[in-house]
PDB file of N, CA and C in Angstrom:
ATOM      1  N   MET A   1      -6.139 101.664 -46.073  1.00  0.00           N
ATOM      2  CA  MET A   1      -5.543 102.188 -44.837  1.00  0.00           C
ATOM      3  C   MET A   1      -6.455 101.736 -43.607  1.00  0.00           C
ATOM      4  N   LYS A   2      -5.942 101.412 -42.503  1.00  0.00           N
ATOM      5  CA  LYS A   2      -6.587 100.911 -41.408  1.00  0.00           C
ATOM      6  C   LYS A   2      -6.535 102.042 -40.366  1.00  0.00           C
ATOM      7  N   GLU A   3      -7.466 102.128 -39.384  1.00  0.00           N
ATOM      8  CA  GLU A   3      -7.401 102.932 -38.099  1.00  0.00           C
ATOM      9  C   GLU A   3      -7.598 102.004 -37.046  1.00  0.00           C
ATOM     10  N   TYR A   4      -6.997 102.443 -35.879  1.00  0.00           N
ATOM     11  CA  TYR A   4      -6.991 101.560 -34.679  1.00  0.00           C
ATOM     12  C   TYR A   4      -7.693 102.320 -33.634  1.00  0.00           C
ATOM     13  N   LYS A   5      -8.243 101.664 -32.658  1.00  0.00           N
ATOM     14  CA  LYS A   5      -8.740 102.129 -31.356  1.00  0.00           C
ATOM     15  C   LYS A   5      -8.198 101.232 -30.384  1.00  0.00           C
ATOM     16  N   VAL A   6      -7.658 101.808 -29.156  1.00  0.00           N
ATOM     17  CA  VAL A   6      -7.315 101.212 -27.982  1.00  0.00           C
ATOM     18  C   VAL A   6      -8.157 101.431 -26.962  1.00  0.00           C
ATOM     19  N   VAL A   7      -8.946 100.301 -26.305  1.00  0.00           N
ATOM     20  CA  VAL A   7     -10.011 100.599 -25.213  1.00  0.00           C
ATOM     21  C   VAL A   7      -9.508  99.797 -24.134  1.00  0.00           C
ATOM     22  N   VAL A   8      -9.477 100.562 -22.884  1.00  0.00           N
ATOM     23  CA  VAL A   8      -9.343 100.019 -21.609  1.00  0.00           C
ATOM     24  C   VAL A   8     -10.585  99.635 -20.931  1.00  0.00           C
ATOM     25  N   PRO A   9     -10.956  98.378 -20.961  1.00  0.00           N
ATOM     26  CA  PRO A   9     -12.331  98.159 -20.423  1.00  0.00           C
ATOM     27  C   PRO A   9     -12.457  98.138 -18.951  1.00  0.00           C
ATOM     28  N   LYS A  10     -13.639  98.855 -18.509  1.00  0.00           N
ATOM     29  CA  LYS A  10     -13.935  98.839 -17.071  1.00  0.00           C
ATOM     30  C   LYS A  10     -15.028  97.882 -16.906  1.00  0.00           C
ATOM     31  N   LEU A  11     -14.568  96.638 -16.393  1.00  0.00           N
ATOM     32  CA  LEU A  11     -15.443  95.544 -16.258  1.00  0.00           C
ATOM     33  C   LEU A  11     -16.151  95.338 -14.899  1.00  0.00           C
ATOM     34  N   GLY A  12     -15.583  95.910 -13.870  1.00  0.00           N
ATOM     35  CA  GLY A  12     -16.162  95.679 -12.431  1.00  0.00           C
ATOM     36  C   GLY A  12     -15.628  94.308 -11.992  1.00  0.00           C
ATOM     37  N   LEU A  13     -16.314  94.141 -10.791  1.00  0.00           N
ATOM     38  CA  LEU A  13     -15.859  92.822 -10.049  1.00  0.00           C
ATOM     39  C   LEU A  13     -16.865  91.643 -10.495  1.00  0.00           C
ATOM     40  N   ARG A  14     -18.105  91.819 -10.745  1.00  0.00           N
ATOM     41  CA  ARG A  14     -19.062  90.991 -11.106  1.00  0.00           C
ATOM     42  C   ARG A  14     -19.433  90.770 -12.580  1.00  0.00           C
ATOM     43  N   ASN A  15     -19.755  89.597 -12.980  1.00  0.00           N
ATOM     44  CA  ASN A  15     -20.087  89.537 -14.368  1.00  0.00           C
ATOM     45  C   ASN A  15     -18.996  90.006 -15.345  1.00  0.00           C
ATOM     46  N   ARG A  16     -17.742  89.753 -14.937  1.00  0.00           N
ATOM     47  CA  ARG A  16     -16.717  90.319 -15.907  1.00  0.00           C
ATOM     48  C   ARG A  16     -16.885  89.797 -17.421  1.00  0.00           C
ATOM     49  N   THR A  17     -17.159  88.490 -17.612  1.00  0.00           N
ATOM     50  CA  THR A  17     -17.194  87.855 -18.818  1.00  0.00           C
ATOM     51  C   THR A  17     -18.376  88.504 -19.528  1.00  0.00           C
ATOM     52  N   LYS A  18     -19.472  88.651 -19.038  1.00  0.00           N
ATOM     53  CA  LYS A  18     -20.580  89.157 -19.524  1.00  0.00           C
ATOM     54  C   LYS A  18     -20.317  90.729 -20.140  1.00  0.00           C
ATOM     55  N   HIS A  19     -19.664  91.350 -19.191  1.00  0.00           N
ATOM     56  CA  HIS A  19     -19.440  92.848 -19.667  1.00  0.00           C
ATOM     57  C   HIS A  19     -18.443  93.004 -20.717  1.00  0.00           C
ATOM     58  N   PHE A  20     -17.421  91.950 -20.684  1.00  0.00           N
ATOM     59  CA  PHE A  20     -16.489  91.963 -21.850  1.00  0.00           C
ATOM     60  C   PHE A  20     -17.126  91.543 -23.126  1.00  0.00           C
ATOM     61  N   GLU A  21     -18.046  90.576 -23.158  1.00  0.00           N
ATOM     62  CA  GLU A  21     -18.742  90.258 -24.156  1.00  0.00           C
ATOM     63  C   GLU A  21     -19.561  91.324 -24.792  1.00  0.00           C
ATOM     64  N   ASP A  22     -20.120  92.019 -23.979  1.00  0.00           N
ATOM     65  CA  ASP A  22     -20.930  93.271 -24.463  1.00  0.00           C
ATOM     66  C   ASP A  22     -20.316  94.288 -24.888  1.00  0.00           C
ATOM     67  N   LEU A  23     -18.924  94.488 -24.371  1.00  0.00           N
ATOM     68  CA  LEU A  23     -17.903  95.573 -24.970  1.00  0.00           C
ATOM     69  C   LEU A  23     -17.673  95.127 -26.313  1.00  0.00           C
ATOM     70  N   LEU A  24     -17.223  93.888 -26.621  1.00  0.00           N
ATOM     71  CA  LEU A  24     -16.875  93.367 -27.923  1.00  0.00           C
ATOM     72  C   LEU A  24     -17.893  93.543 -29.012  1.00  0.00           C
ATOM     73  N   ASN A  25     -19.123  92.962 -28.519  1.00  0.00           N
ATOM     74  CA  ASN A  25     -20.293  93.119 -29.387  1.00  0.00           C
ATOM     75  C   ASN A  25     -20.695  94.685 -29.791  1.00  0.00           C
ATOM     76  N   GLN A  26     -20.602  95.462 -28.853  1.00  0.00           N
ATOM     77  CA  GLN A  26     -20.730  97.049 -29.093  1.00  0.00           C
ATOM     78  C   GLN A  26     -19.783  97.539 -30.234  1.00  0.00           C
ATOM     79  N   TYR A  27     -18.496  97.120 -30.107  1.00  0.00           N
ATOM     80  CA  TYR A  27     -17.727  97.714 -31.115  1.00  0.00           C
ATOM     81  C   TYR A  27     -17.805  96.975 -32.404  1.00  0.00           C
ATOM     82  N   SER A  28     -18.237  95.743 -32.242  1.00  0.00           N
ATOM     83  CA  SER A  28     -18.415  94.872 -33.737  1.00  0.00           C
ATOM     84  C   SER A  28     -19.485  95.538 -34.537  1.00  0.00           C
ATOM     85  N   ARG A  29     -20.534  96.012 -33.774  1.00  0.00           N
ATOM     86  CA  ARG A  29     -21.773  96.609 -34.381  1.00  0.00           C
ATOM     87  C   ARG A  29     -21.318  97.859 -35.053  1.00  0.00           C
ATOM     88  N   GLU A  30     -20.192  98.719 -34.672  1.00  0.00           N
ATOM     89  CA  GLU A  30     -19.661  99.801 -35.286  1.00  0.00           C
ATOM     90  C   GLU A  30     -18.604  99.515 -36.391  1.00  0.00           C
ATOM     91  N   GLY A  31     -18.475  98.238 -36.675  1.00  0.00           N
ATOM     92  CA  GLY A  31     -17.490  97.847 -37.731  1.00  0.00           C
ATOM     93  C   GLY A  31     -16.118  97.738 -37.285  1.00  0.00           C
ATOM     94  N   TRP A  32     -15.899  97.540 -36.053  1.00  0.00           N
ATOM     95  CA  TRP A  32     -14.477  97.343 -35.560  1.00  0.00           C
ATOM     96  C   TRP A  32     -14.432  95.752 -35.353  1.00  0.00           C
ATOM     97  N   THR A  33     -12.976  95.364 -35.549  1.00  0.00           N
ATOM     98  CA  THR A  33     -12.680  93.996 -35.362  1.00  0.00           C
ATOM     99  C   THR A  33     -11.513  93.922 -34.383  1.00  0.00           C
ATOM    100  N   VAL A  34     -11.493  92.852 -33.536  1.00  0.00           N
ATOM    101  CA  VAL A  34     -10.555  92.732 -32.557  1.00  0.00           C
ATOM    102  C   VAL A  34      -9.135  92.538 -33.212  1.00  0.00           C
ATOM    103  N   ASN A  35      -8.095  93.205 -32.939  1.00  0.00           N
ATOM    104  CA  ASN A  35      -6.709  93.021 -33.398  1.00  0.00           C
ATOM    105  C   ASN A  35      -5.905  92.390 -32.394  1.00  0.00           C
ATOM    106  N   THR A  36      -5.947  92.849 -31.111  1.00  0.00           N
ATOM    107  CA  THR A  36      -5.085  92.317 -29.987  1.00  0.00           C
ATOM    108  C   THR A  36      -6.059  92.282 -28.623  1.00  0.00           C
ATOM    109  N   ILE A  37      -5.917  91.488 -27.806  1.00  0.00           N
ATOM    110  CA  ILE A  37      -6.297  91.563 -26.548  1.00  0.00           C
ATOM    111  C   ILE A  37      -5.155  91.257 -25.526  1.00  0.00           C
ATOM    112  N   THR A  38      -4.845  92.133 -24.792  1.00  0.00           N
ATOM    113  CA  THR A  38      -3.837  91.866 -23.886  1.00  0.00           C
ATOM    114  C   THR A  38      -3.995  91.007 -22.760  1.00  0.00           C
ATOM    115  N   GLN A  39      -3.059  90.443 -22.089  1.00  0.00           N
ATOM    116  CA  GLN A  39      -3.232  89.493 -20.970  1.00  0.00           C
ATOM    117  C   GLN A  39      -4.014  90.101 -19.884  1.00  0.00           C
ATOM    118  N   GLY A  40      -5.163  89.391 -19.322  1.00  0.00           N
ATOM    119  CA  GLY A  40      -5.956  89.775 -18.336  1.00  0.00           C
ATOM    120  C   GLY A  40      -6.929  90.747 -18.703  1.00  0.00           C
ATOM    121  N   TRP A  41      -7.206  91.022 -19.922  1.00  0.00           N
ATOM    122  CA  TRP A  41      -8.110  91.850 -20.551  1.00  0.00           C
ATOM    123  C   TRP A  41      -7.813  93.299 -20.125  1.00  0.00           C
ATOM    124  N   GLY A  42      -6.523  93.634 -20.016  1.00  0.00           N
ATOM    125  CA  GLY A  42      -6.108  95.079 -19.634  1.00  0.00           C
ATOM    126  C   GLY A  42      -6.352  96.036 -20.622  1.00  0.00           C
ATOM    127  N   SER A  43      -6.329  95.663 -21.980  1.00  0.00           N
ATOM    128  CA  SER A  43      -6.781  96.549 -22.958  1.00  0.00           C
ATOM    129  C   SER A  43      -7.029  95.648 -24.064  1.00  0.00           C
ATOM    130  N   VAL A  44      -7.878  96.248 -25.201  1.00  0.00           N
ATOM    131  CA  VAL A  44      -8.269  95.691 -26.244  1.00  0.00           C
ATOM    132  C   VAL A  44      -7.994  96.628 -27.388  1.00  0.00           C
ATOM    133  N   ILE A  45      -7.260  96.150 -28.538  1.00  0.00           N
ATOM    134  CA  ILE A  45      -7.060  97.047 -29.733  1.00  0.00           C
ATOM    135  C   ILE A  45      -7.900  96.511 -30.915  1.00  0.00           C
ATOM    136  N   PHE A  46      -8.713  97.416 -31.330  1.00  0.00           N
ATOM    137  CA  PHE A  46      -9.630  97.144 -32.438  1.00  0.00           C
ATOM    138  C   PHE A  46      -9.153  97.739 -33.837  1.00  0.00           C
ATOM    139  N   GLU A  47      -9.462  97.397 -34.909  1.00  0.00           N
ATOM    140  CA  GLU A  47      -9.055  97.885 -36.158  1.00  0.00           C
ATOM    141  C   GLU A  47     -10.311  97.853 -37.100  1.00  0.00           C
ATOM    142  N   ARG A  48     -10.232  98.785 -37.978  1.00  0.00           N
ATOM    143  CA  ARG A  48     -11.076  98.760 -39.218  1.00  0.00           C
ATOM    144  C   ARG A  48     -10.516  99.472 -40.386  1.00  0.00           C
ATOM    145  N   ASP A  49     -11.106  99.333 -41.553  1.00  0.00           N
ATOM    146  CA  ASP A  49     -10.821 100.087 -42.769  1.00  0.00           C
ATOM    147  C   ASP A  49     -11.196 101.562 -42.457  1.00  0.00           C
ATOM    148  N   LYS A  50     -10.147 102.438 -42.791  1.00  0.00           N
ATOM    149  CA  LYS A  50     -10.622 104.020 -42.568  1.00  0.00           C
ATOM    150  C   LYS A  50     -11.517 104.341 -43.658  1.00  0.00           C
ATOM    151  N   ASN A  51     -11.297 103.979 -44.789  1.00  0.00           N
ATOM    152  CA  ASN A  51     -12.037 104.398 -46.170  1.00  0.00           C
ATOM    153  C   ASN A  51     -13.276 103.499 -46.336  1.00  0.00           C
ATOM    154  N   ARG A  52     -14.244 103.218 -45.326  1.00  0.00           N
ATOM    155  CA  ARG A  52     -15.161 102.321 -45.413  1.00  0.00           C
ATOM    156  C   ARG A  52     -16.419 103.127 -45.822  1.00  0.00           C
TER     157      ARG A  52
END
C-alpha cells in the first residue's frame, strides 16, 4: 500500500531552483519519491510505501 503527501513549496523570488532542489532532496532522504510535479512548481506529490 502506498501513502501520498502533497506539498505546496514556498520558494521565494530568489534562487527558486536551488530551493526546489533542496525541498526534493529533503523529502528523498525521508524515503519519499516524486509522483507528480504540477506546472510552475505549484505543488509536488510524493509517494512511498506505507509498510516500510
